[in-house]
Amino acid sequence: MQIAITSQNRKTITEHAGKCRKFWLYDIDADRIAGKRLVELPIEQSFHASHAGLPDALAGINVLITGGMGSNLFRRLIDLGVQLLLACEEDPDRAIADFLAGCLLTRSLVFACDDEHHSH
């Protein structure tokens, strides 16, 4: 399993998954972290700019943990079979540990409108 976490500042789980270009990727094997690396996407491969599929660097993800995203990206990732979680936790390592323990606190996705640029 591979889990991606949005982390534009490389320190915390950040919002705006569509515009995010930095992701922590965690490789999970037998419910344990087998590897962790930072991936930085070129701007043209951000979710916001690409509009289809997953960027090559994120092609193997099963789960995306983020602080927020728009409705269009939500629907696109669901259609691709990616499990989406809006974490209450800000620390990426703690979020992974909580996810693996089955106790990651999440928020519901609520969209104020159907415009990805203005909804969270």
PDB file of N, CA and C in Angstrom:
ATOM      1  N   MET A   1       0.852  -1.174   0.000  1.00  0.00           N
ATOM      2  CA  MET A   1       0.000   0.000   0.000  1.00  0.00           C
ATOM      3  C   MET A   1       0.895   1.234   0.000  1.00  0.00           C
ATOM      4  N   GLN A   2       0.434   2.272  -0.657  1.00  0.00           N
ATOM      5  CA  GLN A   2       1.163   3.527  -0.669  1.00  0.00           C
ATOM      6  C   GLN A   2       0.217   4.660  -0.287  1.00  0.00           C
ATOM      7  N   ILE A   3       0.673   5.492   0.649  1.00  0.00           N
ATOM      8  CA  ILE A   3      -0.125   6.608   1.148  1.00  0.00           C
ATOM      9  C   ILE A   3       0.600   7.906   0.833  1.00  0.00           C
ATOM     10  N   ALA A   4      -0.118   8.863   0.264  1.00  0.00           N
ATOM     11  CA  ALA A   4       0.432  10.190  -0.005  1.00  0.00           C
ATOM     12  C   ALA A   4      -0.188  11.181   0.975  1.00  0.00           C
ATOM     13  N   ILE A   5       0.635  12.114   1.443  1.00  0.00           N
ATOM     14  CA  ILE A   5       0.172  13.171   2.340  1.00  0.00           C
ATOM     15  C   ILE A   5       0.597  14.513   1.763  1.00  0.00           C
ATOM     16  N   THR A   6      -0.362  15.437   1.628  1.00  0.00           N
ATOM     17  CA  THR A   6      -0.028  16.774   1.141  1.00  0.00           C
ATOM     18  C   THR A   6       0.789  17.501   2.207  1.00  0.00           C
ATOM     19  N   SER A   7       1.921  18.066   1.788  1.00  0.00           N
ATOM     20  CA  SER A   7       2.773  18.780   2.739  1.00  0.00           C
ATOM     21  C   SER A   7       3.602  19.822   2.000  1.00  0.00           C
ATOM     22  N   GLN A   8       2.946  20.873   1.572  1.00  0.00           N
ATOM     23  CA  GLN A   8       3.622  21.910   0.791  1.00  0.00           C
ATOM     24  C   GLN A   8       4.815  22.497   1.547  1.00  0.00           C
ATOM     25  N   ASN A   9       4.723  22.593   2.868  1.00  0.00           N
ATOM     26  CA  ASN A   9       5.816  23.153   3.667  1.00  0.00           C
ATOM     27  C   ASN A   9       6.786  22.079   4.189  1.00  0.00           C
ATOM     28  N   ARG A  10       6.546  20.826   3.839  1.00  0.00           N
ATOM     29  CA  ARG A  10       7.382  19.674   4.227  1.00  0.00           C
ATOM     30  C   ARG A  10       7.332  19.342   5.721  1.00  0.00           C
ATOM     31  N   LYS A  11       6.492  20.041   6.462  1.00  0.00           N
ATOM     32  CA  LYS A  11       6.439  19.845   7.911  1.00  0.00           C
ATOM     33  C   LYS A  11       5.069  19.405   8.405  1.00  0.00           C
ATOM     34  N   THR A  12       4.014  19.955   7.795  1.00  0.00           N
ATOM     35  CA  THR A  12       2.663  19.670   8.269  1.00  0.00           C
ATOM     36  C   THR A  12       1.786  19.230   7.110  1.00  0.00           C
ATOM     37  N   ILE A  13       0.656  18.644   7.454  1.00  0.00           N
ATOM     38  CA  ILE A  13      -0.348  18.299   6.450  1.00  0.00           C
ATOM     39  C   ILE A  13      -1.013  19.603   6.025  1.00  0.00           C
ATOM     40  N   THR A  14      -0.950  19.886   4.735  1.00  0.00           N
ATOM     41  CA  THR A  14      -1.461  21.158   4.254  1.00  0.00           C
ATOM     42  C   THR A  14      -2.743  20.977   3.453  1.00  0.00           C
ATOM     43  N   GLU A  15      -3.470  22.075   3.293  1.00  0.00           N
ATOM     44  CA  GLU A  15      -4.709  22.081   2.525  1.00  0.00           C
ATOM     45  C   GLU A  15      -4.419  22.303   1.049  1.00  0.00           C
ATOM     46  N   HIS A  16      -5.480  22.490   0.293  1.00  0.00           N
ATOM     47  CA  HIS A  16      -5.377  22.767  -1.141  1.00  0.00           C
ATOM     48  C   HIS A  16      -4.635  21.654  -1.876  1.00  0.00           C
ATOM     49  N   ALA A  17      -5.125  20.442  -1.738  1.00  0.00           N
ATOM     50  CA  ALA A  17      -4.490  19.291  -2.390  1.00  0.00           C
ATOM     51  C   ALA A  17      -4.325  19.512  -3.884  1.00  0.00           C
ATOM     52  N   GLY A  18      -5.246  20.205  -4.499  1.00  0.00           N
ATOM     53  CA  GLY A  18      -5.175  20.433  -5.936  1.00  0.00           C
ATOM     54  C   GLY A  18      -3.976  21.249  -6.362  1.00  0.00           C
ATOM     55  N   LYS A  19      -3.570  22.187  -5.536  1.00  0.00           N
ATOM     56  CA  LYS A  19      -2.426  23.041  -5.862  1.00  0.00           C
ATOM     57  C   LYS A  19      -1.135  22.563  -5.218  1.00  0.00           C
ATOM     58  N   CYS A  20      -1.216  21.597  -4.336  1.00  0.00           N
ATOM     59  CA  CYS A  20      -0.032  21.104  -3.632  1.00  0.00           C
ATOM     60  C   CYS A  20       0.938  20.439  -4.609  1.00  0.00           C
ATOM     61  N   ARG A  21       2.234  20.675  -4.412  1.00  0.00           N
ATOM     62  CA  ARG A  21       3.251  20.059  -5.261  1.00  0.00           C
ATOM     63  C   ARG A  21       4.219  19.198  -4.455  1.00  0.00           C
ATOM     64  N   LYS A  22       4.108  19.228  -3.123  1.00  0.00           N
ATOM     65  CA  LYS A  22       5.002  18.421  -2.287  1.00  0.00           C
ATOM     66  C   LYS A  22       4.167  17.424  -1.489  1.00  0.00           C
ATOM     67  N   PHE A  23       4.549  16.169  -1.590  1.00  0.00           N
ATOM     68  CA  PHE A  23       3.827  15.075  -0.942  1.00  0.00           C
ATOM     69  C   PHE A  23       4.817  14.161  -0.237  1.00  0.00           C
ATOM     70  N   TRP A  24       4.491  13.774   0.980  1.00  0.00           N
ATOM     71  CA  TRP A  24       5.210  12.675   1.622  1.00  0.00           C
ATOM     72  C   TRP A  24       4.560  11.390   1.131  1.00  0.00           C
ATOM     73  N   LEU A  25       5.369  10.474   0.641  1.00  0.00           N
ATOM     74  CA  LEU A  25       4.883   9.158   0.224  1.00  0.00           C
ATOM     75  C   LEU A  25       5.378   8.126   1.217  1.00  0.00           C
ATOM     76  N   TYR A  26       4.449   7.367   1.751  1.00  0.00           N
ATOM     77  CA  TYR A  26       4.759   6.307   2.717  1.00  0.00           C
ATOM     78  C   TYR A  26       4.442   4.970   2.057  1.00  0.00           C
ATOM     79  N   ASP A  27       5.411   4.099   2.036  1.00  0.00           N
ATOM     80  CA  ASP A  27       5.197   2.725   1.600  1.00  0.00           C
ATOM     81  C   ASP A  27       4.853   1.908   2.834  1.00  0.00           C
ATOM     82  N   ILE A  28       3.749   1.183   2.778  1.00  0.00           N
ATOM     83  CA  ILE A  28       3.263   0.406   3.916  1.00  0.00           C
ATOM     84  C   ILE A  28       3.325  -1.070   3.553  1.00  0.00           C
ATOM     85  N   ASP A  29       3.912  -1.850   4.446  1.00  0.00           N
ATOM     86  CA  ASP A  29       3.987  -3.289   4.257  1.00  0.00           C
ATOM     87  C   ASP A  29       3.627  -3.957   5.582  1.00  0.00           C
ATOM     88  N   ALA A  30       2.640  -4.806   5.569  1.00  0.00           N
ATOM     89  CA  ALA A  30       2.188  -5.512   6.776  1.00  0.00           C
ATOM     90  C   ALA A  30       1.882  -4.527   7.911  1.00  0.00           C
ATOM     91  N   ASP A  31       1.151  -3.461   7.574  1.00  0.00           N
ATOM     92  CA  ASP A  31       0.732  -2.448   8.537  1.00  0.00           C
ATOM     93  C   ASP A  31       1.888  -1.732   9.233  1.00  0.00           C
ATOM     94  N   ARG A  32       3.029  -1.660   8.554  1.00  0.00           N
ATOM     95  CA  ARG A  32       4.179  -0.927   9.082  1.00  0.00           C
ATOM     96  C   ARG A  32       4.766  -0.055   7.981  1.00  0.00           C
ATOM     97  N   ILE A  33       5.398   1.031   8.386  1.00  0.00           N
ATOM     98  CA  ILE A  33       6.047   1.914   7.418  1.00  0.00           C
ATOM     99  C   ILE A  33       7.309   1.236   6.909  1.00  0.00           C
ATOM    100  N   ALA A  34       7.338   0.986   5.600  1.00  0.00           N
ATOM    101  CA  ALA A  34       8.502   0.356   4.986  1.00  0.00           C
ATOM    102  C   ALA A  34       9.405   1.389   4.308  1.00  0.00           C
ATOM    103  N   GLY A  35       8.894   2.592   4.116  1.00  0.00           N
ATOM    104  CA  GLY A  35       9.679   3.650   3.498  1.00  0.00           C
ATOM    105  C   GLY A  35       8.921   4.950   3.495  1.00  0.00           C
ATOM    106  N   LYS A  36       9.671   6.047   3.441  1.00  0.00           N
ATOM    107  CA  LYS A  36       9.086   7.384   3.404  1.00  0.00           C
ATOM    108  C   LYS A  36       9.997   8.250   2.543  1.00  0.00           C
ATOM    109  N   ARG A  37       9.392   9.006   1.637  1.00  0.00           N
ATOM    110  CA  ARG A  37      10.181   9.911   0.813  1.00  0.00           C
ATOM    111  C   ARG A  37       9.329  11.118   0.431  1.00  0.00           C
ATOM    112  N   LEU A  38       9.996  12.230   0.169  1.00  0.00           N
ATOM    113  CA  LEU A  38       9.319  13.440  -0.271  1.00  0.00           C
ATOM    114  C   LEU A  38       9.354  13.487  -1.789  1.00  0.00           C
ATOM    115  N   VAL A  39       8.193  13.752  -2.385  1.00  0.00           N
ATOM    116  CA  VAL A  39       8.083  13.894  -3.834  1.00  0.00           C
ATOM    117  C   VAL A  39       7.648  15.324  -4.111  1.00  0.00           C
ATOM    118  N   GLU A  40       8.337  15.989  -5.033  1.00  0.00           N
ATOM    119  CA  GLU A  40       7.940  17.325  -5.452  1.00  0.00           C
ATOM    120  C   GLU A  40       7.570  17.273  -6.924  1.00  0.00           C
ATOM    121  N   LEU A  41       6.330  17.616  -7.209  1.00  0.00           N
ATOM    122  CA  LEU A  41       5.821  17.582  -8.578  1.00  0.00           C
ATOM    123  C   LEU A  41       6.147  18.884  -9.304  1.00  0.00           C
ATOM    124  N   PRO A  42       6.430  18.810 -10.586  1.00  0.00           N
ATOM    125  CA  PRO A  42       6.495  20.048 -11.370  1.00  0.00           C
ATOM    126  C   PRO A  42       5.094  20.662 -11.417  1.00  0.00           C
ATOM    127  N   ILE A  43       5.020  21.958 -11.548  1.00  0.00           N
ATOM    128  CA  ILE A  43       3.730  22.648 -11.487  1.00  0.00           C
ATOM    129  C   ILE A  43       2.718  22.088 -12.481  1.00  0.00           C
ATOM    130  N   GLU A  44       3.178  21.664 -13.653  1.00  0.00           N
ATOM    131  CA  GLU A  44       2.252  21.148 -14.669  1.00  0.00           C
ATOM    132  C   GLU A  44       1.689  19.771 -14.309  1.00  0.00           C
ATOM    133  N   GLN A  45       2.238  19.123 -13.264  1.00  0.00           N
ATOM    134  CA  GLN A  45       1.714  17.828 -12.828  1.00  0.00           C
ATOM    135  C   GLN A  45       0.882  17.929 -11.554  1.00  0.00           C
ATOM    136  N   SER A  46       0.685  19.142 -11.033  1.00  0.00           N
ATOM    137  CA  SER A  46      -0.192  19.269  -9.866  1.00  0.00           C
ATOM    138  C   SER A  46      -1.586  18.798 -10.268  1.00  0.00           C
ATOM    139  N   PHE A  47      -2.381  18.393  -9.305  1.00  0.00           N
ATOM    140  CA  PHE A  47      -3.747  17.964  -9.615  1.00  0.00           C
ATOM    141  C   PHE A  47      -4.507  19.076 -10.328  1.00  0.00           C
ATOM    142  N   HIS A  48      -4.303  20.304  -9.889  1.00  0.00           N
ATOM    143  CA  HIS A  48      -5.009  21.446 -10.450  1.00  0.00           C
ATOM    144  C   HIS A  48      -4.666  21.651 -11.930  1.00  0.00           C
ATOM    145  N   ALA A  49      -3.423  21.438 -12.273  1.00  0.00           N
ATOM    146  CA  ALA A  49      -2.985  21.688 -13.652  1.00  0.00           C
ATOM    147  C   ALA A  49      -3.209  20.502 -14.581  1.00  0.00           C
ATOM    148  N   SER A  50      -3.216  19.289 -14.041  1.00  0.00           N
ATOM    149  CA  SER A  50      -3.256  18.111 -14.909  1.00  0.00           C
ATOM    150  C   SER A  50      -4.665  17.696 -15.332  1.00  0.00           C
ATOM    151  N   HIS A  51      -5.652  17.823 -14.472  1.00  0.00           N
ATOM    152  CA  HIS A  51      -7.061  17.544 -14.775  1.00  0.00           C
ATOM    153  C   HIS A  51      -7.390  16.106 -15.178  1.00  0.00           C
ATOM    154  N   ALA A  52      -6.458  15.196 -15.120  1.00  0.00           N
ATOM    155  CA  ALA A  52      -6.783  13.807 -15.479  1.00  0.00           C
ATOM    156  C   ALA A  52      -5.788  12.865 -14.819  1.00  0.00           C
ATOM    157  N   GLY A  53      -6.288  11.741 -14.374  1.00  0.00           N
ATOM    158  CA  GLY A  53      -5.418  10.721 -13.805  1.00  0.00           C
ATOM    159  C   GLY A  53      -4.615  11.218 -12.617  1.00  0.00           C
ATOM    160  N   LEU A  54      -3.589  10.455 -12.310  1.00  0.00           N
ATOM    161  CA  LEU A  54      -2.671  10.804 -11.235  1.00  0.00           C
ATOM    162  C   LEU A  54      -1.323  11.168 -11.843  1.00  0.00           C
ATOM    163  N   PRO A  55      -0.622  12.115 -11.234  1.00  0.00           N
ATOM    164  CA  PRO A  55       0.739  12.390 -11.696  1.00  0.00           C
ATOM    165  C   PRO A  55       1.579  11.116 -11.592  1.00  0.00           C
ATOM    166  N   ASP A  56       2.559  10.959 -12.455  1.00  0.00           N
ATOM    167  CA  ASP A  56       3.387   9.750 -12.462  1.00  0.00           C
ATOM    168  C   ASP A  56       3.934   9.419 -11.081  1.00  0.00           C
ATOM    169  N   ALA A  57       4.429  10.413 -10.358  1.00  0.00           N
ATOM    170  CA  ALA A  57       5.029  10.180  -9.049  1.00  0.00           C
ATOM    171  C   ALA A  57       4.029   9.684  -8.009  1.00  0.00           C
ATOM    172  N   LEU A  58       2.736   9.910  -8.252  1.00  0.00           N
ATOM    173  CA  LEU A  58       1.688   9.488  -7.318  1.00  0.00           C
ATOM    174  C   LEU A  58       0.844   8.344  -7.873  1.00  0.00           C
ATOM    175  N   ALA A  59       1.259   7.782  -8.982  1.00  0.00           N
ATOM    176  CA  ALA A  59       0.446   6.774  -9.680  1.00  0.00           C
ATOM    177  C   ALA A  59       0.136   5.548  -8.844  1.00  0.00           C
ATOM    178  N   GLY A  60       0.949   5.220  -7.865  1.00  0.00           N
ATOM    179  CA  GLY A  60       0.721   4.015  -7.079  1.00  0.00           C
ATOM    180  C   GLY A  60      -0.009   4.215  -5.769  1.00  0.00           C
ATOM    181  N   ILE A  61      -0.521   5.426  -5.515  1.00  0.00           N
ATOM    182  CA  ILE A  61      -1.129   5.666  -4.200  1.00  0.00           C
ATOM    183  C   ILE A  61      -2.493   4.999  -4.068  1.00  0.00           C
ATOM    184  N   ASN A  62      -2.744   4.535  -2.859  1.00  0.00           N
ATOM    185  CA  ASN A  62      -4.037   3.958  -2.509  1.00  0.00           C
ATOM    186  C   ASN A  62      -4.851   4.911  -1.648  1.00  0.00           C
ATOM    187  N   VAL A  63      -4.140   5.781  -0.910  1.00  0.00           N
ATOM    188  CA  VAL A  63      -4.763   6.682   0.058  1.00  0.00           C
ATOM    189  C   VAL A  63      -4.128   8.059  -0.094  1.00  0.00           C
ATOM    190  N   LEU A  64      -4.943   9.107   0.010  1.00  0.00           N
ATOM    191  CA  LEU A  64      -4.441  10.478   0.072  1.00  0.00           C
ATOM    192  C   LEU A  64      -4.963  11.096   1.360  1.00  0.00           C
ATOM    193  N   ILE A  65      -4.039  11.582   2.177  1.00  0.00           N
ATOM    194  CA  ILE A  65      -4.390  12.289   3.405  1.00  0.00           C
ATOM    195  C   ILE A  65      -4.039  13.754   3.180  1.00  0.00           C
ATOM    196  N   THR A  66      -4.999  14.632   3.437  1.00  0.00           N
ATOM    197  CA  THR A  66      -4.820  16.052   3.174  1.00  0.00           C
ATOM    198  C   THR A  66      -5.603  16.871   4.177  1.00  0.00           C
ATOM    199  N   GLY A  67      -5.420  18.186   4.115  1.00  0.00           N
ATOM    200  CA  GLY A  67      -6.188  19.086   4.958  1.00  0.00           C
ATOM    201  C   GLY A  67      -7.426  19.619   4.271  1.00  0.00           C
ATOM    202  N   GLY A  68      -7.485  19.521   2.932  1.00  0.00           N
ATOM    203  CA  GLY A  68      -8.647  20.008   2.213  1.00  0.00           C
ATOM    204  C   GLY A  68      -8.492  19.839   0.718  1.00  0.00           C
ATOM    205  N   MET A  69      -9.634  19.841   0.037  1.00  0.00           N
ATOM    206  CA  MET A  69      -9.631  19.742  -1.424  1.00  0.00           C
ATOM    207  C   MET A  69     -10.983  20.179  -1.956  1.00  0.00           C
ATOM    208  N   GLY A  70     -11.013  20.506  -3.230  1.00  0.00           N
ATOM    209  CA  GLY A  70     -12.249  20.893  -3.876  1.00  0.00           C
ATOM    210  C   GLY A  70     -13.053  19.695  -4.335  1.00  0.00           C
ATOM    211  N   SER A  71     -14.297  19.952  -4.685  1.00  0.00           N
ATOM    212  CA  SER A  71     -15.215  18.875  -5.059  1.00  0.00           C
ATOM    213  C   SER A  71     -14.811  18.174  -6.353  1.00  0.00           C
ATOM    214  N   ASN A  72     -14.280  18.913  -7.324  1.00  0.00           N
ATOM    215  CA  ASN A  72     -13.885  18.275  -8.585  1.00  0.00           C
ATOM    216  C   ASN A  72     -12.745  17.285  -8.363  1.00  0.00           C
ATOM    217  N   LEU A  73     -11.758  17.684  -7.587  1.00  0.00           N
ATOM    218  CA  LEU A  73     -10.647  16.774  -7.294  1.00  0.00           C
ATOM    219  C   LEU A  73     -11.132  15.584  -6.475  1.00  0.00           C
ATOM    220  N   PHE A  74     -12.020  15.831  -5.537  1.00  0.00           N
ATOM    221  CA  PHE A  74     -12.589  14.749  -4.734  1.00  0.00           C
ATOM    222  C   PHE A  74     -13.206  13.685  -5.638  1.00  0.00           C
ATOM    223  N   ARG A  75     -14.072  14.134  -6.540  1.00  0.00           N
ATOM    224  CA  ARG A  75     -14.741  13.184  -7.446  1.00  0.00           C
ATOM    225  C   ARG A  75     -13.732  12.465  -8.344  1.00  0.00           C
ATOM    226  N   ARG A  76     -12.756  13.183  -8.848  1.00  0.00           N
ATOM    227  CA  ARG A  76     -11.753  12.584  -9.728  1.00  0.00           C
ATOM    228  C   ARG A  76     -10.965  11.483  -9.016  1.00  0.00           C
ATOM    229  N   LEU A  77     -10.539  11.759  -7.787  1.00  0.00           N
ATOM    230  CA  LEU A  77      -9.746  10.764  -7.057  1.00  0.00           C
ATOM    231  C   LEU A  77     -10.590   9.568  -6.637  1.00  0.00           C
ATOM    232  N   ILE A  78     -11.824   9.809  -6.248  1.00  0.00           N
ATOM    233  CA  ILE A  78     -12.730   8.702  -5.921  1.00  0.00           C
ATOM    234  C   ILE A  78     -12.909   7.808  -7.145  1.00  0.00           C
ATOM    235  N   ASP A  79     -13.094   8.423  -8.313  1.00  0.00           N
ATOM    236  CA  ASP A  79     -13.245   7.651  -9.558  1.00  0.00           C
ATOM    237  C   ASP A  79     -12.003   6.830  -9.874  1.00  0.00           C
ATOM    238  N   LEU A  80     -10.845   7.297  -9.420  1.00  0.00           N
ATOM    239  CA  LEU A  80      -9.584   6.570  -9.638  1.00  0.00           C
ATOM    240  C   LEU A  80      -9.333   5.507  -8.564  1.00  0.00           C
ATOM    241  N   GLY A  81     -10.240   5.409  -7.587  1.00  0.00           N
ATOM    242  CA  GLY A  81     -10.113   4.397  -6.547  1.00  0.00           C
ATOM    243  C   GLY A  81      -9.213   4.782  -5.387  1.00  0.00           C
ATOM    244  N   VAL A  82      -8.934   6.070  -5.231  1.00  0.00           N
ATOM    245  CA  VAL A  82      -8.084   6.538  -4.132  1.00  0.00           C
ATOM    246  C   VAL A  82      -8.958   6.836  -2.922  1.00  0.00           C
ATOM    247  N   GLN A  83      -8.591   6.301  -1.764  1.00  0.00           N
ATOM    248  CA  GLN A  83      -9.289   6.604  -0.517  1.00  0.00           C
ATOM    249  C   GLN A  83      -8.832   7.988  -0.054  1.00  0.00           C
ATOM    250  N   LEU A  84      -9.771   8.874   0.258  1.00  0.00           N
ATOM    251  CA  LEU A  84      -9.460  10.249   0.645  1.00  0.00           C
ATOM    252  C   LEU A  84      -9.796  10.487   2.107  1.00  0.00           C
ATOM    253  N   LEU A  85      -8.859  11.120   2.810  1.00  0.00           N
ATOM    254  CA  LEU A  85      -9.063  11.422   4.217  1.00  0.00           C
ATOM    255  C   LEU A  85      -8.653  12.858   4.490  1.00  0.00           C
ATOM    256  N   LEU A  86      -9.536  13.640   5.102  1.00  0.00           N
ATOM    257  CA  LEU A  86      -9.214  14.985   5.546  1.00  0.00           C
ATOM    258  C   LEU A  86      -8.833  14.898   7.017  1.00  0.00           C
ATOM    259  N   ALA A  87      -7.558  14.968   7.275  1.00  0.00           N
ATOM    260  CA  ALA A  87      -7.043  14.736   8.622  1.00  0.00           C
ATOM    261  C   ALA A  87      -7.218  15.945   9.523  1.00  0.00           C
ATOM    262  N   CYS A  88      -7.567  15.682  10.771  1.00  0.00           N
ATOM    263  CA  CYS A  88      -7.543  16.718  11.799  1.00  0.00           C
ATOM    264  C   CYS A  88      -6.113  16.896  12.310  1.00  0.00           C
ATOM    265  N   GLU A  89      -5.341  15.843  12.271  1.00  0.00           N
ATOM    266  CA  GLU A  89      -3.935  15.850  12.679  1.00  0.00           C
ATOM    267  C   GLU A  89      -3.109  16.663  11.686  1.00  0.00           C
ATOM    268  N   GLU A  90      -2.127  17.412  12.173  1.00  0.00           N
ATOM    269  CA  GLU A  90      -1.269  18.196  11.286  1.00  0.00           C
ATOM    270  C   GLU A  90       0.076  17.544  11.021  1.00  0.00           C
ATOM    271  N   ASP A  91       0.516  16.641  11.884  1.00  0.00           N
ATOM    272  CA  ASP A  91       1.823  16.007  11.730  1.00  0.00           C
ATOM    273  C   ASP A  91       1.708  14.772  10.828  1.00  0.00           C
ATOM    274  N   PRO A  92       2.425  14.744   9.705  1.00  0.00           N
ATOM    275  CA  PRO A  92       2.305  13.611   8.783  1.00  0.00           C
ATOM    276  C   PRO A  92       2.645  12.259   9.416  1.00  0.00           C
ATOM    277  N   ASP A  93       3.721  12.187  10.184  1.00  0.00           N
ATOM    278  CA  ASP A  93       4.102  10.906  10.798  1.00  0.00           C
ATOM    279  C   ASP A  93       3.059  10.432  11.798  1.00  0.00           C
ATOM    280  N   ARG A  94       2.507  11.354  12.567  1.00  0.00           N
ATOM    281  CA  ARG A  94       1.459  10.999  13.535  1.00  0.00           C
ATOM    282  C   ARG A  94       0.198  10.549  12.799  1.00  0.00           C
ATOM    283  N   ALA A  95      -0.128  11.211  11.701  1.00  0.00           N
ATOM    284  CA  ALA A  95      -1.309  10.828  10.917  1.00  0.00           C
ATOM    285  C   ALA A  95      -1.157   9.412  10.376  1.00  0.00           C
ATOM    286  N   ILE A  96       0.018   9.066   9.889  1.00  0.00           N
ATOM    287  CA  ILE A  96       0.258   7.707   9.385  1.00  0.00           C
ATOM    288  C   ILE A  96       0.134   6.695  10.511  1.00  0.00           C
ATOM    289  N   ALA A  97       0.738   6.993  11.651  1.00  0.00           N
ATOM    290  CA  ALA A  97       0.651   6.077  12.799  1.00  0.00           C
ATOM    291  C   ALA A  97      -0.808   5.886  13.212  1.00  0.00           C
ATOM    292  N   ASP A  98      -1.563   6.980  13.272  1.00  0.00           N
ATOM    293  CA  ASP A  98      -2.983   6.890  13.643  1.00  0.00           C
ATOM    294  C   ASP A  98      -3.781   6.123  12.592  1.00  0.00           C
ATOM    295  N   PHE A  99      -3.488   6.363  11.315  1.00  0.00           N
ATOM    296  CA  PHE A  99      -4.174   5.642  10.242  1.00  0.00           C
ATOM    297  C   PHE A  99      -3.941   4.146  10.374  1.00  0.00           C
ATOM    298  N   LEU A 100      -2.687   3.758  10.588  1.00  0.00           N
ATOM    299  CA  LEU A 100      -2.361   2.335  10.707  1.00  0.00           C
ATOM    300  C   LEU A 100      -2.979   1.705  11.955  1.00  0.00           C
ATOM    301  N   ALA A 101      -3.168   2.511  12.993  1.00  0.00           N
ATOM    302  CA  ALA A 101      -3.800   2.020  14.219  1.00  0.00           C
ATOM    303  C   ALA A 101      -5.326   2.073  14.128  1.00  0.00           C
ATOM    304  N   GLY A 102      -5.848   2.627  13.039  1.00  0.00           N
ATOM    305  CA  GLY A 102      -7.297   2.708  12.861  1.00  0.00           C
ATOM    306  C   GLY A 102      -7.958   3.809  13.654  1.00  0.00           C
ATOM    307  N   CYS A 103      -7.183   4.845  14.046  1.00  0.00           N
ATOM    308  CA  CYS A 103      -7.773   5.891  14.880  1.00  0.00           C
ATOM    309  C   CYS A 103      -7.467   7.304  14.367  1.00  0.00           C
ATOM    310  N   LEU A 104      -7.246   7.461  13.067  1.00  0.00           N
ATOM    311  CA  LEU A 104      -7.004   8.791  12.512  1.00  0.00           C
ATOM    312  C   LEU A 104      -8.297   9.597  12.550  1.00  0.00           C
ATOM    313  N   LEU A 105      -8.261  10.744  13.205  1.00  0.00           N
ATOM    314  CA  LEU A 105      -9.422  11.625  13.258  1.00  0.00           C
ATOM    315  C   LEU A 105      -9.506  12.394  11.945  1.00  0.00           C
ATOM    316  N   THR A 106     -10.697  12.394  11.351  1.00  0.00           N
ATOM    317  CA  THR A 106     -10.895  13.056  10.070  1.00  0.00           C
ATOM    318  C   THR A 106     -12.099  13.983  10.138  1.00  0.00           C
ATOM    319  N   ARG A 107     -12.147  14.884   9.183  1.00  0.00           N
ATOM    320  CA  ARG A 107     -13.288  15.785   9.013  1.00  0.00           C
ATOM    321  C   ARG A 107     -14.087  15.317   7.815  1.00  0.00           C
ATOM    322  N   SER A 108     -15.340  15.688   7.780  1.00  0.00           N
ATOM    323  CA  SER A 108     -16.175  15.406   6.612  1.00  0.00           C
ATOM    324  C   SER A 108     -15.884  16.430   5.534  1.00  0.00           C
ATOM    325  N   LEU A 109     -16.010  15.992   4.307  1.00  0.00           N
ATOM    326  CA  LEU A 109     -15.893  16.917   3.188  1.00  0.00           C
ATOM    327  C   LEU A 109     -17.204  17.664   3.042  1.00  0.00           C
ATOM    328  N   VAL A 110     -17.142  18.978   3.104  1.00  0.00           N
ATOM    329  CA  VAL A 110     -18.319  19.814   2.919  1.00  0.00           C
ATOM    330  C   VAL A 110     -17.959  20.848   1.866  1.00  0.00           C
ATOM    331  N   PHE A 111     -18.717  20.885   0.804  1.00  0.00           N
ATOM    332  CA  PHE A 111     -18.442  21.807  -0.282  1.00  0.00           C
ATOM    333  C   PHE A 111     -19.468  22.920  -0.273  1.00  0.00           C
ATOM    334  N   ALA A 112     -18.981  24.159  -0.209  1.00  0.00           N
ATOM    335  CA  ALA A 112     -19.863  25.320  -0.180  1.00  0.00           C
ATOM    336  C   ALA A 112     -20.485  25.566  -1.549  1.00  0.00           C
ATOM    337  N   CYS A 113     -19.770  25.178  -2.587  1.00  0.00           N
ATOM    338  CA  CYS A 113     -20.266  25.320  -3.937  1.00  0.00           C
ATOM    339  C   CYS A 113     -19.587  24.261  -4.786  1.00  0.00           C
ATOM    340  N   ASP A 114     -19.883  24.221  -6.056  1.00  0.00           N
ATOM    341  CA  ASP A 114     -19.308  23.185  -6.904  1.00  0.00           C
ATOM    342  C   ASP A 114     -18.065  23.681  -7.627  1.00  0.00           C
ATOM    343  N   ASP A 115     -17.446  24.732  -7.112  1.00  0.00           N
ATOM    344  CA  ASP A 115     -16.266  25.318  -7.727  1.00  0.00           C
ATOM    345  C   ASP A 115     -15.040  24.923  -6.917  1.00  0.00           C
ATOM    346  N   GLU A 116     -14.141  24.166  -7.494  1.00  0.00           N
ATOM    347  CA  GLU A 116     -12.968  23.678  -6.781  1.00  0.00           C
ATOM    348  C   GLU A 116     -12.119  24.801  -6.222  1.00  0.00           C
ATOM    349  N   HIS A 117     -12.160  25.977  -6.800  1.00  0.00           N
ATOM    350  CA  HIS A 117     -11.313  27.077  -6.344  1.00  0.00           C
ATOM    351  C   HIS A 117     -11.842  27.750  -5.076  1.00  0.00           C
ATOM    352  N   HIS A 118     -13.103  27.548  -4.748  1.00  0.00           N
ATOM    353  CA  HIS A 118     -13.687  28.253  -3.620  1.00  0.00           C
ATOM    354  C   HIS A 118     -14.296  27.343  -2.566  1.00  0.00           C
ATOM    355  N   SER A 119     -14.115  26.047  -2.668  1.00  0.00           N
ATOM    356  CA  SER A 119     -14.776  25.154  -1.711  1.00  0.00           C
ATOM    357  C   SER A 119     -13.766  24.391  -0.877  1.00  0.00           C
ATOM    358  N   HIS A 120     -14.175  24.117   0.342  1.00  0.00           N
ATOM    359  CA  HIS A 120     -13.352  23.314   1.257  1.00  0.00           C
ATOM    360  C   HIS A 120     -14.268  22.597   2.219  1.00  0.00           C
TER     361      HIS A 120
END
